[in-house]
PDB file of all heavy atoms in Angstrom:
ATOM      1  N   LEU A   1       8.674  -7.831 -12.029  1.00  0.00           N
ATOM      2  CA  LEU A   1       8.844  -8.833 -10.981  1.00  0.00           C
ATOM      3  C   LEU A   1       7.562  -9.013 -10.180  1.00  0.00           C
ATOM      4  O   LEU A   1       7.187 -10.161  -9.847  1.00  0.00           O
ATOM      5  CB  LEU A   1       9.982  -8.430 -10.050  1.00  0.00           C
ATOM      6  CG  LEU A   1      11.393  -8.616 -10.615  1.00  0.00           C
ATOM      7  CD1 LEU A   1      12.411  -7.891  -9.758  1.00  0.00           C
ATOM      8  CD2 LEU A   1      11.722 -10.109 -10.687  1.00  0.00           C
ATOM      9  N   LEU A   2       6.874  -7.948  -9.860  1.00  0.00           N
ATOM     10  CA  LEU A   2       5.632  -8.061  -9.088  1.00  0.00           C
ATOM     11  C   LEU A   2       4.566  -8.822  -9.876  1.00  0.00           C
ATOM     12  O   LEU A   2       3.865  -9.675  -9.323  1.00  0.00           O
ATOM     13  CB  LEU A   2       5.130  -6.688  -8.671  1.00  0.00           C
ATOM     14  CG  LEU A   2       6.019  -5.916  -7.697  1.00  0.00           C
ATOM     15  CD1 LEU A   2       5.413  -4.557  -7.380  1.00  0.00           C
ATOM     16  CD2 LEU A   2       6.301  -6.716  -6.448  1.00  0.00           C
ATOM     17  N   ASN A   3       4.466  -8.531 -11.166  1.00  0.00           N
ATOM     18  CA  ASN A   3       3.500  -9.250 -12.004  1.00  0.00           C
ATOM     19  C   ASN A   3       3.863 -10.734 -12.109  1.00  0.00           C
ATOM     20  O   ASN A   3       2.978 -11.602 -12.066  1.00  0.00           O
ATOM     21  CB  ASN A   3       3.393  -8.602 -13.370  1.00  0.00           C
ATOM     22  CG  ASN A   3       2.602  -7.308 -13.315  1.00  0.00           C
ATOM     23  OD1 ASN A   3       1.552  -7.240 -12.686  1.00  0.00           O
ATOM     24  ND2 ASN A   3       3.105  -6.266 -13.941  1.00  0.00           N
ATOM     25  N   LYS A   4       5.151 -11.034 -12.190  1.00  0.00           N
ATOM     26  CA  LYS A   4       5.596 -12.436 -12.229  1.00  0.00           C
ATOM     27  C   LYS A   4       5.280 -13.143 -10.914  1.00  0.00           C
ATOM     28  O   LYS A   4       4.797 -14.273 -10.900  1.00  0.00           O
ATOM     29  CB  LYS A   4       7.099 -12.498 -12.513  1.00  0.00           C
ATOM     30  CG  LYS A   4       7.651 -13.904 -12.608  1.00  0.00           C
ATOM     31  CD  LYS A   4       9.126 -13.907 -12.947  1.00  0.00           C
ATOM     32  CE  LYS A   4       9.642 -15.326 -13.035  1.00  0.00           C
ATOM     33  NZ  LYS A   4      11.073 -15.366 -13.352  1.00  0.00           N
ATOM     34  N   LEU A   5       5.529 -12.470  -9.803  1.00  0.00           N
ATOM     35  CA  LEU A   5       5.220 -13.054  -8.501  1.00  0.00           C
ATOM     36  C   LEU A   5       3.724 -13.326  -8.370  1.00  0.00           C
ATOM     37  O   LEU A   5       3.326 -14.384  -7.855  1.00  0.00           O
ATOM     38  CB  LEU A   5       5.702 -12.115  -7.375  1.00  0.00           C
ATOM     39  CG  LEU A   5       7.201 -12.108  -7.139  1.00  0.00           C
ATOM     40  CD1 LEU A   5       7.610 -10.894  -6.322  1.00  0.00           C
ATOM     41  CD2 LEU A   5       7.655 -13.391  -6.464  1.00  0.00           C
ATOM     42  N   GLN A   6       2.893 -12.413  -8.835  1.00  0.00           N
ATOM     43  CA  GLN A   6       1.458 -12.635  -8.763  1.00  0.00           C
ATOM     44  C   GLN A   6       1.043 -13.824  -9.622  1.00  0.00           C
ATOM     45  O   GLN A   6       0.214 -14.626  -9.195  1.00  0.00           O
ATOM     46  CB  GLN A   6       0.697 -11.379  -9.197  1.00  0.00           C
ATOM     47  CG  GLN A   6       0.620 -10.346  -8.102  1.00  0.00           C
ATOM     48  CD  GLN A   6      -0.175  -9.125  -8.508  1.00  0.00           C
ATOM     49  OE1 GLN A   6       0.036  -8.581  -9.600  1.00  0.00           O
ATOM     50  NE2 GLN A   6      -1.074  -8.704  -7.650  1.00  0.00           N
ATOM     51  N   LYS A   7       1.633 -13.945 -10.791  1.00  0.00           N
ATOM     52  CA  LYS A   7       1.312 -15.096 -11.651  1.00  0.00           C
ATOM     53  C   LYS A   7       1.713 -16.406 -10.987  1.00  0.00           C
ATOM     54  O   LYS A   7       1.117 -17.443 -11.235  1.00  0.00           O
ATOM     55  CB  LYS A   7       2.009 -14.951 -13.004  1.00  0.00           C
ATOM     56  CG  LYS A   7       1.371 -13.928 -13.892  1.00  0.00           C
ATOM     57  CD  LYS A   7       2.097 -13.785 -15.204  1.00  0.00           C
ATOM     58  CE  LYS A   7       1.494 -12.640 -15.987  1.00  0.00           C
ATOM     59  NZ  LYS A   7       2.271 -12.292 -17.167  1.00  0.00           N
ATOM     60  N   ASN A   8       2.711 -16.335 -10.113  1.00  0.00           N
ATOM     61  CA  ASN A   8       3.163 -17.531  -9.388  1.00  0.00           C
ATOM     62  C   ASN A   8       2.413 -17.724  -8.071  1.00  0.00           C
ATOM     63  O   ASN A   8       2.803 -18.548  -7.247  1.00  0.00           O
ATOM     64  CB  ASN A   8       4.675 -17.459  -9.126  1.00  0.00           C
ATOM     65  CG  ASN A   8       5.474 -17.605 -10.397  1.00  0.00           C
ATOM     66  OD1 ASN A   8       5.017 -18.170 -11.382  1.00  0.00           O
ATOM     67  ND2 ASN A   8       6.686 -17.051 -10.399  1.00  0.00           N
ATOM     68  N   GLY A   9       1.364 -16.938  -7.851  1.00  0.00           N
ATOM     69  CA  GLY A   9       0.516 -17.142  -6.685  1.00  0.00           C
ATOM     70  C   GLY A   9       0.771 -16.258  -5.476  1.00  0.00           C
ATOM     71  O   GLY A   9       0.099 -16.381  -4.464  1.00  0.00           O
ATOM     72  N   HIS A  10       1.736 -15.357  -5.574  1.00  0.00           N
ATOM     73  CA  HIS A  10       2.020 -14.449  -4.465  1.00  0.00           C
ATOM     74  C   HIS A  10       1.050 -13.271  -4.499  1.00  0.00           C
ATOM     75  O   HIS A  10       0.671 -12.814  -5.575  1.00  0.00           O
ATOM     76  CB  HIS A  10       3.452 -13.907  -4.543  1.00  0.00           C
ATOM     77  CG  HIS A  10       4.490 -14.957  -4.355  1.00  0.00           C
ATOM     78  ND1 HIS A  10       4.926 -15.362  -3.124  1.00  0.00           N
ATOM     79  CD2 HIS A  10       5.178 -15.708  -5.251  1.00  0.00           C
ATOM     80  CE1 HIS A  10       5.834 -16.305  -3.253  1.00  0.00           C
ATOM     81  NE2 HIS A  10       5.999 -16.533  -4.546  1.00  0.00           N
ATOM     82  N   LYS A  11       0.685 -12.779  -3.342  1.00  0.00           N
ATOM     83  CA  LYS A  11      -0.129 -11.574  -3.248  1.00  0.00           C
ATOM     84  C   LYS A  11       0.799 -10.392  -3.032  1.00  0.00           C
ATOM     85  O   LYS A  11       1.799 -10.502  -2.322  1.00  0.00           O
ATOM     86  CB  LYS A  11      -1.144 -11.693  -2.104  1.00  0.00           C
ATOM     87  CG  LYS A  11      -2.150 -12.810  -2.366  1.00  0.00           C
ATOM     88  CD  LYS A  11      -3.403 -12.607  -1.582  1.00  0.00           C
ATOM     89  CE  LYS A  11      -4.403 -13.696  -1.798  1.00  0.00           C
ATOM     90  NZ  LYS A  11      -4.871 -13.848  -3.130  1.00  0.00           N
ATOM     91  N   ILE A  12       0.465  -9.265  -3.620  1.00  0.00           N
ATOM     92  CA  ILE A  12       1.309  -8.069  -3.561  1.00  0.00           C
ATOM     93  C   ILE A  12       0.509  -6.955  -2.894  1.00  0.00           C
ATOM     94  O   ILE A  12      -0.624  -6.690  -3.291  1.00  0.00           O
ATOM     95  CB  ILE A  12       1.746  -7.623  -4.983  1.00  0.00           C
ATOM     96  CG1 ILE A  12       2.443  -8.766  -5.728  1.00  0.00           C
ATOM     97  CG2 ILE A  12       2.635  -6.399  -4.917  1.00  0.00           C
ATOM     98  CD1 ILE A  12       3.700  -9.264  -5.120  1.00  0.00           C
ATOM     99  N   GLY A  13       1.133  -6.289  -1.935  1.00  0.00           N
ATOM    100  CA  GLY A  13       0.422  -5.235  -1.231  1.00  0.00           C
ATOM    101  C   GLY A  13       1.276  -4.030  -0.888  1.00  0.00           C
ATOM    102  O   GLY A  13       2.505  -4.088  -0.924  1.00  0.00           O
ATOM    103  N   ILE A  14       0.584  -2.961  -0.553  1.00  0.00           N
ATOM    104  CA  ILE A  14       1.189  -1.722  -0.050  1.00  0.00           C
ATOM    105  C   ILE A  14       0.721  -1.556   1.377  1.00  0.00           C
ATOM    106  O   ILE A  14      -0.463  -1.751   1.666  1.00  0.00           O
ATOM    107  CB  ILE A  14       0.736  -0.510  -0.895  1.00  0.00           C
ATOM    108  CG1 ILE A  14       1.235  -0.619  -2.345  1.00  0.00           C
ATOM    109  CG2 ILE A  14       1.146   0.803  -0.251  1.00  0.00           C
ATOM    110  CD1 ILE A  14       2.726  -0.477  -2.511  1.00  0.00           C
ATOM    111  N   VAL A  15       1.638  -1.203   2.271  1.00  0.00           N
ATOM    112  CA  VAL A  15       1.272  -0.856   3.637  1.00  0.00           C
ATOM    113  C   VAL A  15       2.056   0.397   3.997  1.00  0.00           C
ATOM    114  O   VAL A  15       3.273   0.391   4.064  1.00  0.00           O
ATOM    115  CB  VAL A  15       1.495  -2.009   4.639  1.00  0.00           C
ATOM    116  CG1 VAL A  15       2.918  -2.499   4.667  1.00  0.00           C
ATOM    117  CG2 VAL A  15       0.977  -1.653   6.025  1.00  0.00           C
ATOM    118  N   SER A  16       1.352   1.495   4.140  1.00  0.00           N
ATOM    119  CA  SER A  16       1.987   2.795   4.290  1.00  0.00           C
ATOM    120  C   SER A  16       1.229   3.630   5.316  1.00  0.00           C
ATOM    121  O   SER A  16       0.074   3.358   5.632  1.00  0.00           O
ATOM    122  CB  SER A  16       2.004   3.499   2.926  1.00  0.00           C
ATOM    123  OG  SER A  16       2.755   4.687   2.958  1.00  0.00           O
ATOM    124  N   TRP A  17       1.887   4.652   5.809  1.00  0.00           N
ATOM    125  CA  TRP A  17       1.305   5.538   6.805  1.00  0.00           C
ATOM    126  C   TRP A  17       0.888   6.866   6.209  1.00  0.00           C
ATOM    127  O   TRP A  17       1.477   7.332   5.247  1.00  0.00           O
ATOM    128  CB  TRP A  17       2.292   5.812   7.928  1.00  0.00           C
ATOM    129  CG  TRP A  17       2.500   4.689   8.892  1.00  0.00           C
ATOM    130  CD1 TRP A  17       1.679   3.634   9.125  1.00  0.00           C
ATOM    131  CD2 TRP A  17       3.616   4.538   9.763  1.00  0.00           C
ATOM    132  NE1 TRP A  17       2.230   2.828  10.113  1.00  0.00           N
ATOM    133  CE2 TRP A  17       3.409   3.365  10.504  1.00  0.00           C
ATOM    134  CE3 TRP A  17       4.763   5.282   9.990  1.00  0.00           C
ATOM    135  CZ2 TRP A  17       4.309   2.919  11.469  1.00  0.00           C
ATOM    136  CZ3 TRP A  17       5.662   4.829  10.947  1.00  0.00           C
ATOM    137  CH2 TRP A  17       5.435   3.664  11.670  1.00  0.00           C
ATOM    138  N   LEU A  18      -0.061   7.475   6.863  1.00  0.00           N
ATOM    139  CA  LEU A  18      -0.445   8.855   6.607  1.00  0.00           C
ATOM    140  C   LEU A  18       0.547   9.766   7.306  1.00  0.00           C
ATOM    141  O   LEU A  18       1.432   9.296   8.024  1.00  0.00           O
ATOM    142  CB  LEU A  18      -1.869   9.100   7.128  1.00  0.00           C
ATOM    143  CG  LEU A  18      -2.941   8.268   6.416  1.00  0.00           C
ATOM    144  CD1 LEU A  18      -4.198   8.187   7.266  1.00  0.00           C
ATOM    145  CD2 LEU A  18      -3.230   8.864   5.039  1.00  0.00           C
ATOM    146  N   ALA A  19       0.391  11.061   7.138  1.00  0.00           N
ATOM    147  CA  ALA A  19       1.292  12.014   7.782  1.00  0.00           C
ATOM    148  C   ALA A  19       1.054  12.027   9.297  1.00  0.00           C
ATOM    149  O   ALA A  19      -0.057  11.786   9.771  1.00  0.00           O
ATOM    150  CB  ALA A  19       1.058  13.414   7.208  1.00  0.00           C
ATOM    151  N   LYS A  20       2.103  12.323  10.021  1.00  0.00           N
ATOM    152  CA  LYS A  20       2.034  12.412  11.484  1.00  0.00           C
ATOM    153  C   LYS A  20       1.145  13.595  11.891  1.00  0.00           C
ATOM    154  O   LYS A  20       1.206  14.658  11.292  1.00  0.00           O
ATOM    155  CB  LYS A  20       3.464  12.623  12.021  1.00  0.00           C
ATOM    156  CG  LYS A  20       3.614  12.469  13.482  1.00  0.00           C
ATOM    157  CD  LYS A  20       5.095  12.570  13.844  1.00  0.00           C
ATOM    158  CE  LYS A  20       5.336  12.276  15.279  1.00  0.00           C
ATOM    159  NZ  LYS A  20       6.774  12.313  15.623  1.00  0.00           N
ATOM    160  N   ASN A  21       0.323  13.388  12.915  1.00  0.00           N
ATOM    161  CA  ASN A  21      -0.559  14.432  13.462  1.00  0.00           C
ATOM    162  C   ASN A  21      -1.456  15.058  12.407  1.00  0.00           C
ATOM    163  O   ASN A  21      -1.657  16.269  12.384  1.00  0.00           O
ATOM    164  CB  ASN A  21       0.258  15.523  14.165  1.00  0.00           C
ATOM    165  CG  ASN A  21       1.113  14.971  15.281  1.00  0.00           C
ATOM    166  OD1 ASN A  21       0.667  14.128  16.045  1.00  0.00           O
ATOM    167  ND2 ASN A  21       2.346  15.445  15.372  1.00  0.00           N
ATOM    168  N   SER A  22      -2.013  14.259  11.542  1.00  0.00           N
ATOM    169  CA  SER A  22      -2.823  14.779  10.437  1.00  0.00           C
ATOM    170  C   SER A  22      -4.311  14.856  10.794  1.00  0.00           C
ATOM    171  O   SER A  22      -4.785  14.183  11.699  1.00  0.00           O
ATOM    172  CB  SER A  22      -2.637  13.904   9.201  1.00  0.00           C
ATOM    173  OG  SER A  22      -3.019  12.577   9.484  1.00  0.00           O
ATOM    174  N   THR A  23      -5.018  15.673  10.034  1.00  0.00           N
ATOM    175  CA  THR A  23      -6.456  15.789  10.186  1.00  0.00           C
ATOM    176  C   THR A  23      -7.133  14.795   9.239  1.00  0.00           C
ATOM    177  O   THR A  23      -6.518  14.278   8.304  1.00  0.00           O
ATOM    178  CB  THR A  23      -6.935  17.203   9.832  1.00  0.00           C
ATOM    179  OG1 THR A  23      -6.639  17.451   8.433  1.00  0.00           O
ATOM    180  CG2 THR A  23      -6.261  18.248  10.703  1.00  0.00           C
ATOM    181  N   GLU A  24      -8.415  14.583   9.454  1.00  0.00           N
ATOM    182  CA  GLU A  24      -9.166  13.656   8.590  1.00  0.00           C
ATOM    183  C   GLU A  24      -9.160  14.135   7.139  1.00  0.00           C
ATOM    184  O   GLU A  24      -9.005  13.343   6.219  1.00  0.00           O
ATOM    185  CB  GLU A  24     -10.598  13.526   9.111  1.00  0.00           C
ATOM    186  CG  GLU A  24     -11.393  12.455   8.407  1.00  0.00           C
ATOM    187  CD  GLU A  24     -12.755  12.245   9.033  1.00  0.00           C
ATOM    188  OE1 GLU A  24     -12.929  12.526  10.234  1.00  0.00           O
ATOM    189  OE2 GLU A  24     -13.648  11.795   8.284  1.00  0.00           O
ATOM    190  N   ASN A  25      -9.309  15.432   6.929  1.00  0.00           N
ATOM    191  CA  ASN A  25      -9.311  15.986   5.582  1.00  0.00           C
ATOM    192  C   ASN A  25      -7.948  15.779   4.896  1.00  0.00           C
ATOM    193  O   ASN A  25      -7.881  15.411   3.721  1.00  0.00           O
ATOM    194  CB  ASN A  25      -9.655  17.490   5.625  1.00  0.00           C
ATOM    195  CG  ASN A  25      -9.798  18.069   4.245  1.00  0.00           C
ATOM    196  OD1 ASN A  25     -10.484  17.528   3.387  1.00  0.00           O
ATOM    197  ND2 ASN A  25      -9.151  19.202   4.023  1.00  0.00           N
ATOM    198  N   TYR A  26      -6.873  15.996   5.646  1.00  0.00           N
ATOM    199  CA  TYR A  26      -5.553  15.798   5.078  1.00  0.00           C
ATOM    200  C   TYR A  26      -5.294  14.312   4.814  1.00  0.00           C
ATOM    201  O   TYR A  26      -4.641  13.960   3.823  1.00  0.00           O
ATOM    202  CB  TYR A  26      -4.495  16.379   6.008  1.00  0.00           C
ATOM    203  CG  TYR A  26      -3.101  16.406   5.410  1.00  0.00           C
ATOM    204  CD1 TYR A  26      -2.865  16.886   4.141  1.00  0.00           C
ATOM    205  CD2 TYR A  26      -2.013  15.945   6.145  1.00  0.00           C
ATOM    206  CE1 TYR A  26      -1.585  16.924   3.601  1.00  0.00           C
ATOM    207  CE2 TYR A  26      -0.720  15.969   5.608  1.00  0.00           C
ATOM    208  CZ  TYR A  26      -0.533  16.470   4.340  1.00  0.00           C
ATOM    209  OH  TYR A  26       0.725  16.489   3.821  1.00  0.00           O
ATOM    210  N   ASP A  27      -5.795  13.443   5.669  1.00  0.00           N
ATOM    211  CA  ASP A  27      -5.655  11.996   5.455  1.00  0.00           C
ATOM    212  C   ASP A  27      -6.244  11.603   4.091  1.00  0.00           C
ATOM    213  O   ASP A  27      -5.653  10.795   3.369  1.00  0.00           O
ATOM    214  CB  ASP A  27      -6.363  11.198   6.556  1.00  0.00           C
ATOM    215  CG  ASP A  27      -5.671  11.281   7.890  1.00  0.00           C
ATOM    216  OD1 ASP A  27      -4.518  11.744   7.954  1.00  0.00           O
ATOM    217  OD2 ASP A  27      -6.285  10.858   8.896  1.00  0.00           O
ATOM    218  N   ILE A  28      -7.354  12.181   3.741  1.00  0.00           N
ATOM    219  CA  ILE A  28      -7.974  11.892   2.450  1.00  0.00           C
ATOM    220  C   ILE A  28      -7.077  12.358   1.313  1.00  0.00           C
ATOM    221  O   ILE A  28      -6.864  11.647   0.328  1.00  0.00           O
ATOM    222  CB  ILE A  28      -9.382  12.534   2.370  1.00  0.00           C
ATOM    223  CG1 ILE A  28     -10.330  11.862   3.361  1.00  0.00           C
ATOM    224  CG2 ILE A  28      -9.942  12.463   0.938  1.00  0.00           C
ATOM    225  CD1 ILE A  28     -11.625  12.615   3.600  1.00  0.00           C
TER     226      ILE A  28
END
């Protein structure tokens, strides 16, 4: 479905969070 949507001109993305109260190293 995502590939079909892209072929029809839709952009597909991920928007997600890192862990709560994390360090820079853990974020990586």
